[in-house]
Every structure is written in structure tokens, then in C-alpha cells.
Amino acid sequence: MNTIIQHHNTTYQVDLSKPIDISIPLSNTDANPIAWYIEKPVIEPVRFGEWIGKVSEGMSSTNFNNITFNPHGHGTHTECLGHITREFYSVNQSLKQFFFIAELVSIGLEDQEGDFIVTKDALVSALKGKTPEAIVIRTLPNDSDKLSRKYSHTDPPFLAEDAALFLRESGIQHLLIDLPSVDKEKDEGKLLAHKAFWNVTDVKNLNPEARLEATITEMIYVPNDVADGSYLLNLQIASFENDASPSKPILYAIANTKV
């Protein structure tokens, strides 16, 4: 059943009973994706001496786990410009609205001297003049092993600097992509795409034009049976006062958008 939603003076019809979850769940198994040279997450019960916070152990009436993870390396996460600045900025303070009109685009990667890149030309062609609030980039090929891929030392694909600049100049506030980073894995700390998208020219002294409210969400996964097109995006984060938070982006098909 479609629900009528008013967003920026435009009316949309969406079926809220049919969410499309494009996040990757976090687990303490070998199936969890990993980037940036760390080990898999740890989820384990609290222990006080011989007492174990696990119902199946017979000592506790509740399951009471500690979780150790890294938002950047262990799955779907949303980050703000505080990820690259000397001064602290929190994604929890940067992201204050949670519903956006998003365009899902599938992008073939271009081989440039052994690097596979999301180019500006590919984005221009895919967007066809649209300027949504958010863009969701599904890179091709779109293998399901993205759900559990081990990215460290593999030089994954990334976003060209001029492609990130194009997205910024198009007014797109929220960038979602199925890669561990918009930048090259080993780039000597240049972070060209991050800086271009957030309009950060000096990480030590933030320039007035820097985009405090813009976010980048990495390590999503969009199934192949979800068609390119316009969607209502619900971008939710956990309330961490940190540069990044694990997140759960959800797409809802807008009436006449096929899924």
C-alpha cells in the first residue's frame, strides 16, 4: 500500500512496507567484510570472574555482549568531513535530516593504468542531468562477494577526483558507494575524492566553504535485482559522537520506479 510523503514541497508515493536494505550486517564471523588491515569484529559476552553474560551458559538471565569493531573497516558506515580534518567533527552532529531523494546508478569501472576508477564521464552519463540530494553508486561487476570481501592490500576501485568534484558541484549532499573508500587504498594520504566532495582545501584550518552537512557512506551493497532510478532514501546512523558511525541506508521505491 502506497504512502503519500511530502518532501521539499513535492509529493511522492512510496510503499513503506517494502524497504530495500543496502547495508551490510556486522558479525563476528569470517563472512564479515574487512578493510584497512584490521581483524574481524569481536562480539563476546561480558565476564566477571566465573560469571558469563550469556543465557546459554546458565549463569545469566540475559545476553550481555561487548562489541569491538571499527566503523570504517567492518561494514556499512557513514562519515562526515571530520574523517579527514584536524579539528573534531561528529557525524552525529552533521547528519540532522534522514530522508532524501536519491538516484541509484550502476557504473562500469574504467581501467586507468591498472587502477579501476569511477569516472566523471560515467557519472555524467548515468545521471542524465538529474541533481538529486543523494546518489547511490553500484559499481559493476556487482558480485555478491562484496558482502564478505577482504579488501586489505587489494587496491580496490575508487572515485576519480573530478568525479567527486562533479558530484559536489551538482549539489549532491550525500554520496553512497559500494567500495571501502572513495579514494585509492594507498594514495600517500592525498584523499583527493574526500577533499573534493567535502570541499576541504586545508585539513588543519577548515575553509568557510567546507560542506559540514555532506556525508559519504561506504561499503554498501545494492542487489542486482534493484533497478537504477529514483528512490526515497532513509539514511540512519547510530548516535556516535565520532567522525563515522555504522549506518543502515534503506531505499524505498517511488511509484513508477520498478524494483
Protein backbone atom coordinates (compact mmCIF):
# COMPACT_ATOMS: atom_id res chain seq x y z
CA MET A 1 0.00 0.00 0.00
CA ASN A 2 1.48 3.34 -1.04
CA THR A 3 2.04 6.11 1.49
CA ILE A 4 1.93 9.76 0.44
CA ILE A 5 5.06 11.63 1.54
CA GLN A 6 5.66 15.36 1.24
CA HIS A 7 9.32 16.21 0.76
CA HIS A 8 10.53 19.73 -0.11
CA ASN A 9 7.10 20.72 -1.46
CA THR A 10 6.93 17.65 -3.71
CA THR A 11 4.57 14.73 -3.14
CA TYR A 12 5.83 11.18 -3.53
CA GLN A 13 4.12 7.81 -3.27
CA VAL A 14 6.16 5.08 -1.60
CA ASP A 15 5.36 1.69 -0.10
CA LEU A 16 6.96 1.72 3.35
CA SER A 17 6.23 -1.99 3.75
CA LYS A 18 8.85 -2.80 1.08
CA PRO A 19 12.20 -1.49 2.33
CA ILE A 20 15.36 -2.22 0.34
CA ASP A 21 18.18 -2.56 2.84
CA ILE A 22 21.53 -1.71 1.22
CA SER A 23 23.61 -2.06 4.37
CA ILE A 24 25.94 -4.96 5.15
CA PRO A 25 25.33 -6.55 8.57
CA LEU A 26 28.17 -6.66 11.06
CA SER A 27 29.08 -10.04 12.53
CA ASN A 28 31.97 -11.70 14.33
CA THR A 29 32.32 -14.33 11.60
CA ASP A 30 34.70 -14.76 8.70
CA ALA A 31 31.84 -13.65 6.43
CA ASN A 32 32.21 -10.07 7.66
CA PRO A 33 33.86 -7.76 5.09
CA ILE A 34 37.13 -6.21 6.20
CA ALA A 35 39.22 -3.26 5.03
CA TRP A 36 42.21 -1.33 6.32
CA TYR A 37 44.30 -4.23 7.65
CA ILE A 38 42.30 -4.99 10.78
CA GLU A 39 40.84 -8.26 12.05
CA LYS A 40 37.15 -9.20 12.09
CA PRO A 41 34.83 -7.68 14.74
CA VAL A 42 34.66 -9.21 18.20
CA ILE A 43 31.29 -9.92 19.81
CA GLU A 44 31.61 -11.69 23.13
CA PRO A 45 29.82 -11.89 26.48
CA VAL A 46 30.92 -9.84 29.45
CA ARG A 47 32.82 -11.86 32.04
CA PHE A 48 33.14 -11.11 35.75
CA GLY A 49 35.27 -13.86 37.20
CA GLU A 50 33.36 -17.09 36.59
CA TRP A 51 30.14 -15.25 35.64
CA ILE A 52 29.43 -15.08 31.89
CA GLY A 53 26.80 -12.80 30.39
CA LYS A 54 25.27 -15.47 28.19
CA VAL A 55 21.96 -17.21 28.84
CA SER A 56 23.06 -20.47 27.25
CA GLU A 57 25.93 -20.71 29.76
CA GLY A 58 23.37 -20.89 32.57
CA MET A 59 24.80 -18.06 34.65
CA SER A 60 22.89 -15.07 33.32
CA SER A 61 19.25 -14.22 32.73
CA THR A 62 20.26 -12.00 29.80
CA ASN A 63 22.72 -11.97 26.92
CA PHE A 64 25.16 -9.17 27.69
CA ASN A 65 27.78 -8.70 24.96
CA ASN A 66 30.68 -6.38 24.38
CA ILE A 67 31.24 -5.45 20.74
CA THR A 68 34.60 -4.28 19.37
CA PHE A 69 34.60 -3.02 15.80
CA ASN A 70 35.81 -0.25 13.53
CA PRO A 71 33.13 1.60 11.53
CA HIS A 72 35.48 2.34 8.62
CA GLY A 73 36.79 -1.18 8.23
CA HIS A 74 33.99 -3.50 9.20
CA GLY A 75 30.97 -2.69 7.08
CA THR A 76 28.49 -0.05 6.01
CA HIS A 77 29.28 3.29 7.60
CA THR A 78 28.52 6.97 7.14
CA GLU A 79 31.19 9.59 7.69
CA CYS A 80 31.42 13.36 7.79
CA LEU A 81 34.34 15.65 6.95
CA GLY A 82 35.65 15.06 10.48
CA HIS A 83 37.14 11.91 8.98
CA ILE A 84 39.94 13.98 7.42
CA THR A 85 40.19 17.18 9.49
CA ARG A 86 42.47 18.01 12.40
CA GLU A 87 39.57 19.59 14.27
CA PHE A 88 36.93 17.17 15.56
CA TYR A 89 33.59 17.00 13.75
CA SER A 90 30.93 14.42 14.58
CA VAL A 91 28.76 12.68 12.02
CA ASN A 92 26.04 12.66 14.67
CA GLN A 93 26.04 16.46 14.58
CA SER A 94 26.46 16.72 10.80
CA LEU A 95 23.56 14.48 9.78
CA LYS A 96 20.36 16.05 11.08
CA GLN A 97 17.89 15.00 8.36
CA PHE A 98 17.37 11.40 7.38
CA PHE A 99 15.12 11.26 4.31
CA PHE A 100 16.37 12.21 0.86
CA ILE A 101 15.54 11.69 -2.78
CA ALA A 102 18.33 9.51 -4.14
CA GLU A 103 19.34 8.34 -7.57
CA LEU A 104 20.67 4.80 -7.87
CA VAL A 105 23.15 4.45 -10.73
CA SER A 106 25.17 1.45 -11.93
CA ILE A 107 28.66 2.42 -13.05
CA GLY A 108 31.14 0.36 -15.04
CA LEU A 109 34.70 0.88 -13.89
CA GLU A 110 37.36 2.32 -16.20
CA ASP A 111 40.84 0.80 -16.23
CA GLN A 112 43.41 3.59 -15.96
CA GLU A 113 46.94 2.17 -15.82
CA GLY A 114 45.83 -0.75 -13.69
CA ASP A 115 43.53 1.23 -11.39
CA PHE A 116 39.79 0.73 -11.76
CA ILE A 117 38.01 4.05 -11.38
CA VAL A 118 34.54 5.58 -11.23
CA THR A 119 34.95 8.44 -13.69
CA LYS A 120 33.24 11.78 -14.07
CA ASP A 121 32.09 10.89 -17.58
CA ALA A 122 30.41 7.74 -16.32
CA LEU A 123 28.54 9.69 -13.63
CA VAL A 124 27.50 12.43 -16.05
CA SER A 125 26.13 9.80 -18.41
CA ALA A 126 24.31 7.91 -15.65
CA LEU A 127 22.70 10.94 -14.00
CA LYS A 128 21.40 12.37 -17.30
CA GLY A 129 21.20 15.88 -15.88
CA LYS A 130 19.48 14.88 -12.63
CA THR A 131 20.64 16.60 -9.44
CA PRO A 132 19.29 14.51 -6.56
CA GLU A 133 20.03 15.12 -2.90
CA ALA A 134 21.84 11.78 -2.71
CA ILE A 135 23.50 9.40 -5.13
CA VAL A 136 23.85 5.65 -4.65
CA ILE A 137 26.64 4.18 -6.76
CA ARG A 138 26.60 0.47 -7.58
CA THR A 139 29.87 -0.47 -9.27
CA LEU A 140 29.98 -3.15 -11.95
CA PRO A 141 30.52 -6.03 -11.88
CA ASN A 142 28.30 -6.34 -8.82
CA ASP A 143 29.27 -9.67 -7.30
CA SER A 144 27.64 -10.77 -4.05
CA ASP A 145 31.06 -11.39 -2.54
CA LYS A 146 31.09 -7.65 -1.80
CA LEU A 147 29.15 -8.75 1.30
CA SER A 148 32.21 -10.53 2.67
CA ARG A 149 35.18 -9.26 0.66
CA LYS A 150 38.59 -8.79 2.28
CA TYR A 151 39.84 -5.52 0.80
CA SER A 152 43.18 -5.02 2.55
CA HIS A 153 46.13 -4.74 0.15
CA THR A 154 43.92 -5.37 -2.91
CA ASP A 155 43.87 -1.83 -4.35
CA PRO A 156 40.07 -1.67 -4.70
CA PRO A 157 38.38 0.64 -7.21
CA PHE A 158 37.86 4.26 -6.22
CA LEU A 159 36.32 7.56 -7.29
CA ALA A 160 38.22 9.96 -9.52
CA GLU A 161 38.84 13.40 -8.04
CA ASP A 162 36.99 15.18 -10.84
CA ALA A 163 34.07 12.78 -10.39
CA ALA A 164 33.80 13.78 -6.71
CA LEU A 165 34.07 17.44 -7.71
CA PHE A 166 31.27 16.95 -10.25
CA LEU A 167 29.01 15.49 -7.56
CA ARG A 168 29.75 18.43 -5.27
CA GLU A 169 29.13 20.98 -7.99
CA SER A 170 25.86 19.20 -8.82
CA GLY A 171 24.68 19.92 -5.27
CA ILE A 172 24.59 16.28 -4.21
CA GLN A 173 24.87 16.22 -0.42
CA HIS A 174 25.08 12.51 0.28
CA LEU A 175 27.27 10.03 -1.56
CA LEU A 176 26.76 6.29 -1.07
CA ILE A 177 29.05 3.74 -2.73
CA ASP A 178 29.78 0.02 -2.54
CA LEU A 179 33.53 0.43 -2.06
CA PRO A 180 35.59 0.61 1.16
CA SER A 181 36.65 4.15 0.28
CA VAL A 182 36.04 6.80 -2.34
CA ASP A 183 39.82 7.15 -2.50
CA LYS A 184 42.66 4.89 -3.58
CA GLU A 185 43.78 2.49 -0.85
CA LYS A 186 47.39 3.67 -0.86
CA ASP A 187 47.49 7.28 -2.04
CA GLU A 188 50.11 8.79 0.30
CA GLY A 189 47.35 10.48 2.31
CA LYS A 190 46.14 12.67 -0.54
CA LEU A 191 42.44 11.76 -0.11
CA LEU A 192 41.58 13.67 -3.27
CA ALA A 193 37.99 12.47 -3.64
CA HIS A 194 37.13 13.01 0.02
CA LYS A 195 38.51 16.55 -0.12
CA ALA A 196 36.80 17.36 -3.42
CA PHE A 197 33.39 16.14 -2.25
CA TRP A 198 33.54 17.91 1.12
CA ASN A 199 35.27 20.99 -0.35
CA VAL A 200 38.10 20.73 2.16
CA THR A 201 41.24 22.53 1.00
CA ASP A 202 43.09 22.61 4.32
CA VAL A 203 42.58 19.84 6.88
CA LYS A 204 44.30 21.93 9.56
CA ASN A 205 42.21 25.09 9.12
CA LEU A 206 38.77 24.37 7.72
CA ASN A 207 37.81 26.70 4.90
CA PRO A 208 34.42 28.51 5.13
CA GLU A 209 33.09 26.70 2.05
CA ALA A 210 33.63 23.22 3.52
CA ARG A 211 30.46 21.12 3.44
CA LEU A 212 29.74 20.33 7.08
CA GLU A 213 26.41 18.63 6.38
CA ALA A 214 27.54 16.44 3.47
CA THR A 215 28.16 12.75 4.13
CA ILE A 216 29.87 9.80 2.47
CA THR A 217 28.57 6.30 3.06
CA GLU A 218 30.87 3.44 2.07
CA MET A 219 30.66 -0.36 1.88
CA ILE A 220 27.02 -0.63 0.92
CA TYR A 221 25.66 -3.44 -1.22
CA VAL A 222 22.81 -3.00 -3.73
CA PRO A 223 21.42 -6.32 -5.03
CA ASN A 224 21.34 -6.79 -8.78
CA ASP A 225 17.55 -7.05 -8.88
CA VAL A 226 17.15 -3.44 -7.69
CA ALA A 227 16.75 -1.27 -10.78
CA ASP A 228 18.56 2.01 -11.37
CA GLY A 229 16.35 5.03 -10.82
CA SER A 230 14.93 7.38 -8.20
CA TYR A 231 14.22 6.25 -4.64
CA LEU A 232 13.38 7.66 -1.25
CA LEU A 233 16.46 7.14 0.92
CA ASN A 234 16.29 6.76 4.69
CA LEU A 235 19.85 7.19 5.95
CA GLN A 236 20.10 6.18 9.59
CA ILE A 237 23.19 6.15 11.81
CA ALA A 238 23.87 5.12 15.37
CA SER A 239 24.29 8.14 17.65
CA PHE A 240 28.06 8.01 17.95
CA GLU A 241 29.91 11.27 18.57
CA ASN A 242 32.60 10.23 16.12
CA ASP A 243 33.70 11.08 12.60
CA ALA A 244 31.85 7.97 11.39
CA SER A 245 29.10 5.64 12.50
CA PRO A 246 27.80 2.28 11.37
CA SER A 247 24.73 3.02 9.28
CA LYS A 248 21.66 1.44 7.74
CA PRO A 249 20.65 3.11 4.47
CA ILE A 250 17.23 1.98 3.25
CA LEU A 251 15.75 2.64 -0.19
CA TYR A 252 12.03 2.84 -0.93
CA ALA A 253 10.78 2.64 -4.49
CA ILE A 254 8.87 5.71 -5.62
CA ALA A 255 5.67 4.93 -7.52
CA ASN A 256 6.51 4.04 -11.13
CA THR A 257 10.08 3.10 -10.15
CA LYS A 258 10.50 -0.60 -10.86
CA VAL A 259 12.26 -2.88 -8.38
